[in-house]
Structure formats: C-alpha cells, structure tokens
C-alpha atoms as a PDB file:
ATOM      1  CA  SER A   1      28.579  45.147 112.365  1.00  0.00           C
ATOM      2  CA  TYR A   2      26.829  48.413 111.108  1.00  0.00           C
ATOM      3  CA  THR A   3      29.269  50.341 113.294  1.00  0.00           C
ATOM      4  CA  HIS A   4      32.302  49.266 111.139  1.00  0.00           C
ATOM      5  CA  PRO A   5      34.018  52.383 109.808  1.00  0.00           C
ATOM      6  CA  GLN A   6      33.437  51.585 106.271  1.00  0.00           C
ATOM      7  CA  ILE A   7      29.663  51.461 106.492  1.00  0.00           C
ATOM      8  CA  ALA A   8      29.051  53.671 109.574  1.00  0.00           C
ATOM      9  CA  HIS A   9      27.780  56.495 107.228  1.00  0.00           C
ATOM     10  CA  LEU A  10      25.107  54.384 105.828  1.00  0.00           C
ATOM     11  CA  PRO A  11      21.555  54.565 107.253  1.00  0.00           C
ATOM     12  CA  CYS A  12      20.528  51.490 109.222  1.00  0.00           C
ATOM     13  CA  VAL A  13      17.274  49.849 110.158  1.00  0.00           C
ATOM     14  CA  LYS A  14      16.611  47.976 113.430  1.00  0.00           C
ATOM     15  CA  LEU A  15      13.799  45.510 113.533  1.00  0.00           C
ATOM     16  CA  GLN A  16      11.770  44.557 116.497  1.00  0.00           C
ATOM     17  CA  GLU A  17      12.983  41.512 118.317  1.00  0.00           C
ATOM     18  CA  TYR A  18      11.839  38.250 116.718  1.00  0.00           C
ATOM     19  CA  THR A  19      12.674  34.673 117.573  1.00  0.00           C
ATOM     20  CA  SER A  20      14.409  32.770 114.617  1.00  0.00           C
ATOM     21  CA  THR A  21      12.808  29.492 113.369  1.00  0.00           C
ATOM     22  CA  PHE A  22      15.929  28.677 111.338  1.00  0.00           C
ATOM     23  CA  TRP A  23      17.687  25.336 111.938  1.00  0.00           C
ATOM     24  CA  ARG A  24      21.277  26.328 111.775  1.00  0.00           C
ATOM     25  CA  GLU A  25      23.554  25.824 114.677  1.00  0.00           C
ATOM     26  CA  GLN A  26      24.848  29.090 116.086  1.00  0.00           C
ATOM     27  CA  ASP A  27      25.606  30.300 119.611  1.00  0.00           C
ATOM     28  CA  LEU A  28      24.396  34.002 119.018  1.00  0.00           C
ATOM     29  CA  GLY A  29      20.993  33.508 120.572  1.00  0.00           C
ATOM     30  CA  GLN A  30      17.446  32.797 119.178  1.00  0.00           C
ATOM     31  CA  ASN A  31      17.060  36.444 118.241  1.00  0.00           C
ATOM     32  CA  PHE A  32      19.509  36.354 115.422  1.00  0.00           C
ATOM     33  CA  LEU A  33      17.417  35.888 112.259  1.00  0.00           C
ATOM     34  CA  ALA A  34      18.132  34.119 109.052  1.00  0.00           C
ATOM     35  CA  THR A  35      18.274  36.476 106.010  1.00  0.00           C
ATOM     36  CA  ILE A  36      14.921  35.403 104.715  1.00  0.00           C
ATOM     37  CA  GLU A  37      13.405  35.893 108.057  1.00  0.00           C
ATOM     38  CA  ALA A  38      14.827  39.361 108.327  1.00  0.00           C
ATOM     39  CA  ILE A  39      13.498  40.341 104.917  1.00  0.00           C
ATOM     40  CA  TYR A  40      10.139  38.927 105.808  1.00  0.00           C
ATOM     41  CA  TYR A  41       9.933  40.916 109.036  1.00  0.00           C
ATOM     42  CA  LEU A  42      11.312  44.049 107.363  1.00  0.00           C
ATOM     43  CA  CYS A  43       8.545  43.913 104.722  1.00  0.00           C
ATOM     44  CA  ARG A  44       6.004  43.371 107.469  1.00  0.00           C
ATOM     45  CA  GLU A  45       7.121  46.248 109.517  1.00  0.00           C
ATOM     46  CA  ILE A  46       7.233  48.465 106.601  1.00  0.00           C
ATOM     47  CA  GLN A  47       3.606  47.404 105.477  1.00  0.00           C
ATOM     48  CA  GLN A  48       2.529  47.988 109.106  1.00  0.00           C
ATOM     49  CA  CYS A  49       3.794  51.589 108.800  1.00  0.00           C
ATOM     50  CA  ILE A  50       2.138  52.183 105.583  1.00  0.00           C
ATOM     51  CA  ASP A  51      -1.125  50.595 106.452  1.00  0.00           C
ATOM     52  CA  GLY A  52      -1.474  52.398 109.678  1.00  0.00           C
ATOM     53  CA  GLY A  53      -0.898  49.257 111.942  1.00  0.00           C
ATOM     54  CA  ASN A  54      -3.225  46.992 110.245  1.00  0.00           C
ATOM     55  CA  PRO A  55      -1.019  44.928 107.928  1.00  0.00           C
ATOM     56  CA  ASP A  56      -2.402  41.821 106.018  1.00  0.00           C
ATOM     57  CA  PRO A  57      -0.859  38.918 108.063  1.00  0.00           C
ATOM     58  CA  HIS A  58      -0.346  36.859 104.958  1.00  0.00           C
ATOM     59  CA  ALA A  59       0.882  39.338 102.506  1.00  0.00           C
ATOM     60  CA  PHE A  60       4.337  38.073 102.506  1.00  0.00           C
ATOM     61  CA  ASP A  61       3.712  34.451 103.023  1.00  0.00           C
ATOM     62  CA  ASP A  62       4.899  33.600  99.437  1.00  0.00           C
ATOM     63  CA  LEU A  63       8.278  35.125 100.276  1.00  0.00           C
ATOM     64  CA  VAL A  64       8.870  32.328 102.701  1.00  0.00           C
ATOM     65  CA  LEU A  65       7.373  29.311 100.816  1.00  0.00           C
ATOM     66  CA  LEU A  66      10.744  27.860  99.947  1.00  0.00           C
ATOM     67  CA  TYR A  67      12.070  28.483 103.473  1.00  0.00           C
ATOM     68  CA  ALA A  68       9.015  26.811 104.999  1.00  0.00           C
ATOM     69  CA  THR A  69       9.236  23.862 102.661  1.00  0.00           C
ATOM     70  CA  GLN A  70      12.796  23.209 103.536  1.00  0.00           C
ATOM     71  CA  HIS A  71      12.125  23.697 107.141  1.00  0.00           C
ATOM     72  CA  ARG A  72       9.531  21.138 107.078  1.00  0.00           C
ATOM     73  CA  ARG A  73      11.790  18.562 105.451  1.00  0.00           C
ATOM     74  CA  ILE A  74      14.493  19.267 108.180  1.00  0.00           C
ATOM     75  CA  CYS A  75      11.724  18.932 110.982  1.00  0.00           C
ATOM     76  CA  ASP A  76      10.569  15.648 109.468  1.00  0.00           C
ATOM     77  CA  SER A  77      14.127  14.360 109.239  1.00  0.00           C
ATOM     78  CA  TYR A  78      14.844  15.179 112.879  1.00  0.00           C
ATOM     79  CA  ARG A  79      11.497  13.717 113.969  1.00  0.00           C
ATOM     80  CA  ALA A  80      12.153  10.482 112.006  1.00  0.00           C
ATOM     81  CA  GLN A  81      15.471  10.172 113.812  1.00  0.00           C
ATOM     82  CA  ASN A  82      13.828  11.015 117.217  1.00  0.00           C
ATOM     83  CA  LYS A  83      16.147  13.992 117.629  1.00  0.00           C
ATOM     84  CA  THR A  84      15.476  17.511 118.478  1.00  0.00           C
ATOM     85  CA  PRO A  85      18.022  20.330 118.240  1.00  0.00           C
ATOM     86  CA  ARG A  86      18.396  22.210 121.523  1.00  0.00           C
ATOM     87  CA  VAL A  87      16.498  25.289 120.475  1.00  0.00           C
ATOM     88  CA  TRP A  88      13.591  23.610 118.889  1.00  0.00           C
ATOM     89  CA  SER A  89      10.060  22.571 119.701  1.00  0.00           C
ATOM     90  CA  ILE A  90       8.854  20.292 116.927  1.00  0.00           C
ATOM     91  CA  GLY A  91       5.207  19.571 116.629  1.00  0.00           C
ATOM     92  CA  SER A  92       3.843  16.066 115.678  1.00  0.00           C
ATOM     93  CA  GLY A  93       0.554  17.120 113.748  1.00  0.00           C
ATOM     94  CA  ALA A  94      -0.067  16.687 110.094  1.00  0.00           C
ATOM     95  CA  THR A  95      -0.423  20.346 109.554  1.00  0.00           C
ATOM     96  CA  ASP A  96       2.791  21.318 111.203  1.00  0.00           C
ATOM     97  CA  GLY A  97       5.273  23.483 109.340  1.00  0.00           C
ATOM     98  CA  ALA A  98       7.513  26.535 109.850  1.00  0.00           C
ATOM     99  CA  ARG A  99       5.716  29.338 111.395  1.00  0.00           C
ATOM    100  CA  ILE A 100       7.347  32.630 110.928  1.00  0.00           C
ATOM    101  CA  GLY A 101       6.231  35.020 113.895  1.00  0.00           C
ATOM    102  CA  SER A 102       6.097  32.366 116.407  1.00  0.00           C
ATOM    103  CA  SER A 103       8.697  31.485 119.001  1.00  0.00           C
ATOM    104  CA  ASN A 104       8.047  27.806 118.428  1.00  0.00           C
ATOM    105  CA  VAL A 105       8.736  25.708 115.443  1.00  0.00           C
ATOM    106  CA  ARG A 106       5.801  23.692 114.356  1.00  0.00           C
END
C-alpha cells in the first residue's frame, strides 16, 4: 500500500479504473491490474495528457505483445478443455486475442 510509512513520502499516481484481463486467480476484484496492464494504462494516460486528449490508440501495443500472446495461449487451453475461469468471457472467433482496454477477454 502506498500509505505504508516507509513510502508515504513518495509521490503516487492513481490510474483511472480499468478491468483486468489477466488470467491469474485472485479475489481482489477485476479492477486489480497485472503489472504490464498498469504500465500500459499509465503510458496511455500520460500520452493523453501530453497530446491534449487525442492519444494514438495503438501507440503502446508493442508493450503488451508478449502479454497478449501468452494470454491467447491460456484462452486456447481453457477453450480446448471447455472450461472458463469465473471472471472470463472467452470468444470463439479466429481473430480473438487479449484486448487491453475492454472489460471482456476475447
């Protein structure tokens, strides 16, 4: 927590609320992001401030390429087993993949 006495003096940044697409099991809620998701959204929010509210929607896609590739493998594995984790919505199309910025996993 950023309120811990040893780091309370450090400046902090609070992101807008986003829904995680990460596949880990945790009971903290869907708004607790994976580190790469937090970095991605931080970069997008900074760019939005710099660019006057008109960020390039794909400027940071390369940042999450490995994440998206691994996410796709996990989705395919669950789909092959006909299992869906409780917080997921897994698509069935050939172009489905991790979609950062969406509340659904595709």
